[in-house]
C-alpha atoms as a PDB file:
ATOM      1  CA  MET A   1      75.544 104.436 117.621  1.00  0.00           C
ATOM      2  CA  THR A   2      71.908 103.766 118.458  1.00  0.00           C
ATOM      3  CA  THR A   3      70.893 100.095 118.493  1.00  0.00           C
ATOM      4  CA  LEU A   4      67.466  99.540 116.986  1.00  0.00           C
ATOM      5  CA  THR A   5      65.207  96.902 118.476  1.00  0.00           C
ATOM      6  CA  THR A   6      63.912  94.599 115.726  1.00  0.00           C
ATOM      7  CA  THR A   7      60.451  93.118 116.112  1.00  0.00           C
ATOM      8  CA  ARG A   8      60.402  89.408 115.275  1.00  0.00           C
ATOM      9  CA  VAL A   9      57.736  89.143 112.588  1.00  0.00           C
ATOM     10  CA  PRO A  10      56.050  85.719 112.164  1.00  0.00           C
ATOM     11  CA  LEU A  11      57.630  83.932 109.196  1.00  0.00           C
ATOM     12  CA  LYS A  12      54.287  83.304 107.475  1.00  0.00           C
ATOM     13  CA  GLN A  13      53.708  87.067 107.320  1.00  0.00           C
ATOM     14  CA  MET A  14      56.941  87.751 105.413  1.00  0.00           C
ATOM     15  CA  ASP A  15      57.201  88.061 101.653  1.00  0.00           C
ATOM     16  CA  PRO A  16      60.356  86.799  99.852  1.00  0.00           C
ATOM     17  CA  ALA A  17      62.194  90.118 100.204  1.00  0.00           C
ATOM     18  CA  MET A  18      61.521  90.266 103.945  1.00  0.00           C
ATOM     19  CA  LEU A  19      62.603  86.634 104.320  1.00  0.00           C
ATOM     20  CA  VAL A  20      65.899  87.314 102.542  1.00  0.00           C
ATOM     21  CA  PHE A  21      66.633  90.368 104.711  1.00  0.00           C
ATOM     22  CA  GLU A  22      65.730  88.399 107.839  1.00  0.00           C
ATOM     23  CA  LEU A  23      67.986  85.507 106.802  1.00  0.00           C
ATOM     24  CA  GLU A  24      70.870  87.909 106.263  1.00  0.00           C
ATOM     25  CA  ARG A  25      70.265  89.567 109.622  1.00  0.00           C
ATOM     26  CA  GLU A  26      70.099  86.256 111.491  1.00  0.00           C
ATOM     27  CA  ILE A  27      73.220  84.726 109.957  1.00  0.00           C
ATOM     28  CA  GLN A  28      75.213  87.923 110.512  1.00  0.00           C
ATOM     29  CA  HIS A  29      74.189  87.755 114.160  1.00  0.00           C
ATOM     30  CA  LEU A  30      74.517  84.005 114.795  1.00  0.00           C
ATOM     31  CA  MET A  31      77.317  82.908 112.457  1.00  0.00           C
ATOM     32  CA  PRO A  32      79.206  85.954 111.165  1.00  0.00           C
ATOM     33  CA  THR A  33      82.195  83.889 109.993  1.00  0.00           C
ATOM     34  CA  ASN A  34      80.092  81.436 107.948  1.00  0.00           C
ATOM     35  CA  THR A  35      77.821  83.710 105.944  1.00  0.00           C
ATOM     36  CA  GLU A  36      79.157  82.848 102.465  1.00  0.00           C
ATOM     37  CA  LEU A  37      78.047  79.205 102.476  1.00  0.00           C
ATOM     38  CA  VAL A  38      74.515  80.153 103.544  1.00  0.00           C
ATOM     39  CA  THR A  39      74.129  83.061 101.130  1.00  0.00           C
ATOM     40  CA  ARG A  40      75.429  80.941  98.224  1.00  0.00           C
ATOM     41  CA  ALA A  41      72.931  78.204  99.096  1.00  0.00           C
ATOM     42  CA  ALA A  42      70.113  80.761  99.286  1.00  0.00           C
ATOM     43  CA  ALA A  43      71.057  82.189  95.882  1.00  0.00           C
ATOM     44  CA  THR A  44      71.213  78.714  94.312  1.00  0.00           C
ATOM     45  CA  ALA A  45      67.877  77.668  95.798  1.00  0.00           C
ATOM     46  CA  SER A  46      66.273  80.925  94.624  1.00  0.00           C
ATOM     47  CA  PHE A  47      67.572  80.355  91.105  1.00  0.00           C
ATOM     48  CA  LEU A  48      66.490  76.713  90.901  1.00  0.00           C
ATOM     49  CA  HIS A  49      63.001  77.349  92.334  1.00  0.00           C
ATOM     50  CA  ARG A  50      62.511  80.619  90.411  1.00  0.00           C
ATOM     51  CA  LYS A  51      59.719  79.278  88.142  1.00  0.00           C
ATOM     52  CA  GLN A  52      57.836  77.466  90.908  1.00  0.00           C
ATOM     53  CA  THR A  53      55.043  78.675  93.144  1.00  0.00           C
ATOM     54  CA  ARG A  54      53.401  77.174  96.209  1.00  0.00           C
ATOM     55  CA  PHE A  55      50.822  74.781  94.864  1.00  0.00           C
ATOM     56  CA  ILE A  56      47.485  75.192  96.676  1.00  0.00           C
ATOM     57  CA  ARG A  57      46.232  78.714  97.051  1.00  0.00           C
ATOM     58  CA  GLY A  58      42.635  78.620  95.799  1.00  0.00           C
ATOM     59  CA  ASP A  59      41.523  82.216  95.340  1.00  0.00           C
ATOM     60  CA  MET A  60      44.593  83.560  97.144  1.00  0.00           C
ATOM     61  CA  PRO A  61      47.566  84.997  95.208  1.00  0.00           C
ATOM     62  CA  ARG A  62      50.184  82.386  94.333  1.00  0.00           C
ATOM     63  CA  VAL A  63      53.538  82.996  95.997  1.00  0.00           C
ATOM     64  CA  PRO A  64      57.105  82.111  94.938  1.00  0.00           C
ATOM     65  CA  TYR A  65      58.157  78.652  96.090  1.00  0.00           C
ATOM     66  CA  ILE A  66      61.412  80.007  97.530  1.00  0.00           C
ATOM     67  CA  GLU A  67      59.401  81.334 100.476  1.00  0.00           C
ATOM     68  CA  HIS A  68      59.198  77.760 101.772  1.00  0.00           C
ATOM     69  CA  PRO A  69      62.942  76.889 101.985  1.00  0.00           C
ATOM     70  CA  LEU A  70      63.692  80.368 103.299  1.00  0.00           C
ATOM     71  CA  ARG A  71      61.186  79.857 106.125  1.00  0.00           C
ATOM     72  CA  VAL A  72      62.538  76.349 106.826  1.00  0.00           C
ATOM     73  CA  ALA A  73      66.053  77.770 107.216  1.00  0.00           C
ATOM     74  CA  LEU A  74      64.957  80.804 109.238  1.00  0.00           C
ATOM     75  CA  ARG A  75      62.901  78.655 111.584  1.00  0.00           C
ATOM     76  CA  LEU A  76      66.029  76.616 112.354  1.00  0.00           C
ATOM     77  CA  LEU A  77      67.925  79.819 113.128  1.00  0.00           C
ATOM     78  CA  ARG A  78      65.110  80.923 115.439  1.00  0.00           C
ATOM     79  CA  TRP A  79      65.300  77.537 117.162  1.00  0.00           C
ATOM     80  CA  GLY A  80      68.969  78.250 117.897  1.00  0.00           C
ATOM     81  CA  VAL A  81      70.755  76.335 115.123  1.00  0.00           C
ATOM     82  CA  THR A  82      74.178  77.864 114.364  1.00  0.00           C
ATOM     83  CA  ASP A  83      75.475  75.121 112.055  1.00  0.00           C
ATOM     84  CA  ALA A  84      76.046  76.793 108.665  1.00  0.00           C
ATOM     85  CA  GLU A  85      76.016  73.488 106.768  1.00  0.00           C
ATOM     86  CA  LEU A  86      72.670  72.560 108.303  1.00  0.00           C
ATOM     87  CA  ILE A  87      71.203  75.948 107.324  1.00  0.00           C
ATOM     88  CA  ALA A  88      72.593  75.602 103.799  1.00  0.00           C
ATOM     89  CA  ALA A  89      71.048  72.123 103.525  1.00  0.00           C
ATOM     90  CA  ALA A  90      67.714  73.506 104.744  1.00  0.00           C
ATOM     91  CA  LEU A  91      67.773  76.095 101.959  1.00  0.00           C
ATOM     92  CA  LEU A  92      68.564  73.382  99.413  1.00  0.00           C
ATOM     93  CA  HIS A  93      66.378  70.652 100.914  1.00  0.00           C
ATOM     94  CA  ASP A  94      63.897  70.489  98.001  1.00  0.00           C
ATOM     95  CA  VAL A  95      66.203  70.935  95.015  1.00  0.00           C
ATOM     96  CA  VAL A  96      66.913  67.227  94.445  1.00  0.00           C
ATOM     97  CA  GLU A  97      63.260  66.261  94.813  1.00  0.00           C
ATOM     98  CA  ASP A  98      61.760  69.165  92.854  1.00  0.00           C
ATOM     99  CA  CYS A  99      64.333  70.497  90.397  1.00  0.00           C
ATOM    100  CA  SER A 100      67.177  68.017  89.939  1.00  0.00           C
ATOM    101  CA  LYS A 101      67.169  68.476  86.138  1.00  0.00           C
ATOM    102  CA  GLU A 102      67.553  72.229  86.537  1.00  0.00           C
ATOM    103  CA  LEU A 103      70.362  71.701  89.084  1.00  0.00           C
ATOM    104  CA  LEU A 104      72.334  69.477  86.713  1.00  0.00           C
ATOM    105  CA  ALA A 105      71.629  71.650  83.680  1.00  0.00           C
ATOM    106  CA  ALA A 106      72.925  74.757  85.430  1.00  0.00           C
ATOM    107  CA  PHE A 107      75.718  73.411  87.630  1.00  0.00           C
ATOM    108  CA  GLY A 108      76.304  69.718  86.842  1.00  0.00           C
ATOM    109  CA  GLN A 109      79.286  68.029  85.250  1.00  0.00           C
ATOM    110  CA  PRO A 110      79.152  65.032  82.851  1.00  0.00           C
ATOM    111  CA  GLY A 111      78.058  61.844  84.616  1.00  0.00           C
ATOM    112  CA  GLU A 112      77.203  63.648  87.853  1.00  0.00           C
ATOM    113  CA  ASP A 113      74.038  62.939  89.855  1.00  0.00           C
ATOM    114  CA  PRO A 114      72.197  65.669  91.810  1.00  0.00           C
ATOM    115  CA  LEU A 115      73.634  64.794  95.215  1.00  0.00           C
ATOM    116  CA  GLY A 116      77.119  64.509  93.743  1.00  0.00           C
ATOM    117  CA  CYS A 117      76.666  67.959  92.239  1.00  0.00           C
ATOM    118  CA  LEU A 118      75.636  69.384  95.620  1.00  0.00           C
ATOM    119  CA  ALA A 119      78.617  67.683  97.274  1.00  0.00           C
ATOM    120  CA  ARG A 120      80.998  69.349  94.829  1.00  0.00           C
ATOM    121  CA  LEU A 121      79.352  72.748  95.210  1.00  0.00           C
ATOM    122  CA  TYR A 122      78.663  72.770  98.959  1.00  0.00           C
ATOM    123  CA  GLY A 123      80.579  69.898 100.503  1.00  0.00           C
ATOM    124  CA  ARG A 124      79.766  66.294 101.293  1.00  0.00           C
ATOM    125  CA  ARG A 125      77.941  66.990 104.569  1.00  0.00           C
ATOM    126  CA  VAL A 126      75.463  69.394 102.976  1.00  0.00           C
ATOM    127  CA  SER A 127      74.792  66.800 100.273  1.00  0.00           C
ATOM    128  CA  VAL A 128      74.275  64.047 102.869  1.00  0.00           C
ATOM    129  CA  LEU A 129      71.855  66.229 104.848  1.00  0.00           C
ATOM    130  CA  VAL A 130      69.841  67.058 101.717  1.00  0.00           C
ATOM    131  CA  GLY A 131      69.818  63.386 100.739  1.00  0.00           C
ATOM    132  CA  ALA A 132      68.546  62.417 104.180  1.00  0.00           C
ATOM    133  CA  VAL A 133      65.407  64.565 103.841  1.00  0.00           C
ATOM    134  CA  THR A 134      64.766  63.787 100.164  1.00  0.00           C
ATOM    135  CA  THR A 135      61.860  61.372  99.774  1.00  0.00           C
ATOM    136  CA  PRO A 136      63.212  58.317  97.941  1.00  0.00           C
ATOM    137  CA  GLY A 137      61.554  56.827  94.909  1.00  0.00           C
ATOM    138  CA  GLY A 138      60.594  53.211  94.527  1.00  0.00           C
ATOM    139  CA  SER A 139      58.626  51.195  97.034  1.00  0.00           C
ATOM    140  CA  THR A 140      59.704  53.063 100.187  1.00  0.00           C
ATOM    141  CA  SER A 141      56.680  54.739 101.757  1.00  0.00           C
ATOM    142  CA  TYR A 142      56.750  58.242 103.227  1.00  0.00           C
ATOM    143  CA  GLU A 143      56.338  56.877 106.764  1.00  0.00           C
ATOM    144  CA  GLU A 144      59.140  54.337 106.227  1.00  0.00           C
ATOM    145  CA  HIS A 145      61.406  57.109 104.978  1.00  0.00           C
ATOM    146  CA  LEU A 146      60.632  59.274 108.019  1.00  0.00           C
ATOM    147  CA  THR A 147      61.061  56.381 110.438  1.00  0.00           C
ATOM    148  CA  ARG A 148      64.483  55.663 108.977  1.00  0.00           C
ATOM    149  CA  LEU A 149      65.440  59.333 109.312  1.00  0.00           C
ATOM    150  CA  ALA A 150      64.047  59.547 112.859  1.00  0.00           C
ATOM    151  CA  ASN A 151      66.144  56.540 113.899  1.00  0.00           C
ATOM    152  CA  SER A 152      69.321  57.677 112.153  1.00  0.00           C
ATOM    153  CA  GLY A 153      70.532  60.236 114.686  1.00  0.00           C
ATOM    154  CA  SER A 154      71.114  62.673 111.815  1.00  0.00           C
ATOM    155  CA  ARG A 155      70.724  66.398 112.403  1.00  0.00           C
ATOM    156  CA  ALA A 156      68.739  66.386 109.172  1.00  0.00           C
ATOM    157  CA  LEU A 157      65.786  65.526 111.419  1.00  0.00           C
ATOM    158  CA  LEU A 158      65.755  69.198 112.471  1.00  0.00           C
ATOM    159  CA  ILE A 159      65.334  70.179 108.810  1.00  0.00           C
ATOM    160  CA  LYS A 160      62.436  67.755 108.467  1.00  0.00           C
ATOM    161  CA  ALA A 161      60.823  69.136 111.631  1.00  0.00           C
ATOM    162  CA  SER A 162      60.985  72.674 110.261  1.00  0.00           C
ATOM    163  CA  ASP A 163      59.730  71.455 106.883  1.00  0.00           C
ATOM    164  CA  LEU A 164      56.738  69.765 108.528  1.00  0.00           C
ATOM    165  CA  LYS A 165      56.002  72.842 110.607  1.00  0.00           C
ATOM    166  CA  ASP A 166      55.870  74.890 107.419  1.00  0.00           C
ATOM    167  CA  ASN A 167      53.924  72.441 105.245  1.00  0.00           C
ATOM    168  CA  ALA A 168      51.545  70.844 107.728  1.00  0.00           C
ATOM    169  CA  GLY A 169      51.192  74.108 109.625  1.00  0.00           C
ATOM    170  CA  SER A 170      49.774  75.760 106.509  1.00  0.00           C
ATOM    171  CA  ILE A 171      46.865  73.324 106.131  1.00  0.00           C
ATOM    172  CA  ARG A 172      44.594  75.270 108.490  1.00  0.00           C
ATOM    173  CA  HIS A 173      45.146  78.444 106.470  1.00  0.00           C
ATOM    174  CA  GLN A 174      44.581  76.736 103.111  1.00  0.00           C
ATOM    175  CA  LEU A 175      41.329  74.985 103.936  1.00  0.00           C
ATOM    176  CA  GLY A 176      38.396  76.817 102.427  1.00  0.00           C
ATOM    177  CA  HIS A 177      40.401  78.158  99.500  1.00  0.00           C
ATOM    178  CA  GLY A 178      39.866  75.278  97.059  1.00  0.00           C
ATOM    179  CA  GLN A 179      41.004  71.643  96.885  1.00  0.00           C
ATOM    180  CA  ASP A 180      39.875  70.866 100.430  1.00  0.00           C
ATOM    181  CA  SER A 181      39.831  67.134  99.684  1.00  0.00           C
ATOM    182  CA  ARG A 182      43.537  67.314  98.881  1.00  0.00           C
ATOM    183  CA  MET A 183      44.191  69.273 102.057  1.00  0.00           C
ATOM    184  CA  CYS A 184      42.423  66.561 104.051  1.00  0.00           C
ATOM    185  CA  ARG A 185      44.613  63.911 102.415  1.00  0.00           C
ATOM    186  CA  MET A 186      47.655  65.944 103.404  1.00  0.00           C
ATOM    187  CA  LEU A 187      46.312  66.146 106.940  1.00  0.00           C
ATOM    188  CA  PHE A 188      45.974  62.349 107.009  1.00  0.00           C
ATOM    189  CA  LYS A 189      49.557  62.051 105.697  1.00  0.00           C
ATOM    190  CA  TYR A 190      51.149  64.544 108.063  1.00  0.00           C
ATOM    191  CA  MET A 191      49.566  63.522 111.374  1.00  0.00           C
ATOM    192  CA  PRO A 192      51.663  60.333 111.800  1.00  0.00           C
ATOM    193  CA  ALA A 193      54.677  62.077 110.249  1.00  0.00           C
ATOM    194  CA  VAL A 194      54.702  64.683 113.006  1.00  0.00           C
ATOM    195  CA  GLU A 195      54.556  61.954 115.664  1.00  0.00           C
ATOM    196  CA  ILE A 196      57.437  60.032 114.065  1.00  0.00           C
ATOM    197  CA  VAL A 197      59.634  63.123 113.832  1.00  0.00           C
ATOM    198  CA  GLY A 198      58.751  64.251 117.362  1.00  0.00           C
ATOM    199  CA  ALA A 199      59.671  60.832 118.775  1.00  0.00           C
ATOM    200  CA  GLY A 200      62.987  60.890 116.902  1.00  0.00           C
ATOM    201  CA  LEU A 201      63.781  64.333 118.274  1.00  0.00           C
ATOM    202  CA  ARG A 202      63.054  63.226 121.821  1.00  0.00           C
ATOM    203  CA  ARG A 203      65.468  60.312 121.400  1.00  0.00           C
ATOM    204  CA  SER A 204      68.186  62.726 120.281  1.00  0.00           C
ATOM    205  CA  LEU A 205      67.972  64.935 123.379  1.00  0.00           C
ATOM    206  CA  CYS A 206      70.998  63.186 124.919  1.00  0.00           C
ATOM    207  CA  CYS A 207      73.332  65.361 122.806  1.00  0.00           C
ATOM    208  CA  PRO A 208      74.104  68.491 124.889  1.00  0.00           C
ATOM    209  CA  ALA A 209      75.428  70.440 121.880  1.00  0.00           C
ATOM    210  CA  THR A 210      72.048  70.413 120.145  1.00  0.00           C
ATOM    211  CA  GLN A 211      69.734  70.268 123.146  1.00  0.00           C
ATOM    212  CA  GLN A 212      68.420  73.856 122.897  1.00  0.00           C
ATOM    213  CA  CYS A 213      67.401  73.680 119.238  1.00  0.00           C
ATOM    214  CA  THR A 214      66.085  70.135 119.646  1.00  0.00           C
ATOM    215  CA  MET A 215      63.861  71.223 122.538  1.00  0.00           C
ATOM    216  CA  ALA A 216      62.519  74.072 120.391  1.00  0.00           C
ATOM    217  CA  ALA A 217      61.823  71.624 117.550  1.00  0.00           C
ATOM    218  CA  ILE A 218      60.057  69.216 119.928  1.00  0.00           C
ATOM    219  CA  ALA A 219      57.852  72.038 121.207  1.00  0.00           C
ATOM    220  CA  ALA A 220      56.998  72.976 117.616  1.00  0.00           C
ATOM    221  CA  MET A 221      56.074  69.358 116.812  1.00  0.00           C
ATOM    222  CA  GLU A 222      53.875  69.140 119.906  1.00  0.00           C
ATOM    223  CA  ASP A 223      52.049  72.352 118.974  1.00  0.00           C
ATOM    224  CA  LEU A 224      51.660  71.111 115.400  1.00  0.00           C
ATOM    225  CA  SER A 225      50.370  67.723 116.566  1.00  0.00           C
ATOM    226  CA  HIS A 226      47.680  69.407 118.687  1.00  0.00           C
ATOM    227  CA  ASP A 227      46.655  71.667 115.801  1.00  0.00           C
ATOM    228  CA  LEU A 228      46.428  68.769 113.324  1.00  0.00           C
ATOM    229  CA  ALA A 229      44.419  66.713 115.822  1.00  0.00           C
ATOM    230  CA  ALA A 230      41.964  69.605 116.212  1.00  0.00           C
ATOM    231  CA  LEU A 231      41.668  69.939 112.430  1.00  0.00           C
ATOM    232  CA  SER A 232      41.150  66.203 112.122  1.00  0.00           C
ATOM    233  CA  ALA A 233      38.303  66.327 114.624  1.00  0.00           C
ATOM    234  CA  GLU A 234      36.734  69.285 112.834  1.00  0.00           C
ATOM    235  CA  HIS A 235      36.766  67.446 109.513  1.00  0.00           C
ATOM    236  CA  GLY A 236      36.005  63.922 110.753  1.00  0.00           C
ATOM    237  CA  ILE A 237      39.347  62.375 109.800  1.00  0.00           C
ATOM    238  CA  ASP A 238      40.353  59.395 111.933  1.00  0.00           C
END
């Protein structure tokens, strides 16, 4: 049998179908005995986000929201993550924050909260990981939430790093397509966030089992920090 060499296409250049095929290819290669958990999580996330699109596109075509969690999960796989529960949590990382009502309406039981529903469907660890990256309500600020996560030692920090790479990394491409003032506010929000997450990742390097993927995440945060700093200088944001 001839083995075909597959070119690694940048994630931002993939449409949802390509992302799904790439996810399937990666999990078959990296975790062939744990594919069911990941594919179930991908199907659930696709269903729950099915009516959502990415929010700031200006004159560009709007794209299905599911592209974002698929990229977050695939980026972790490309960093070397082989933990199926972590990949499943990455796919589901926005469902509590963005579509908890839909989650409970479709899959919940009486008296169940969103994280309890995820725990029943995917196991307690997946639920805990999703909860760790879900921005809390109330008086807790975004930076306080990230600082707590960065100091927790949780592997959910890898999910947040990939999430930041996807969200903050898109700012450069979205400027000039409408709502630039909002993009600049996001830039102001994400610059310290990237530093907090990068520092937390560097503190977690003492764990040999996760050192490879953590190093890849640190490199991504450093590249992102440089890019955001350059954008900040271009747009006069201190």
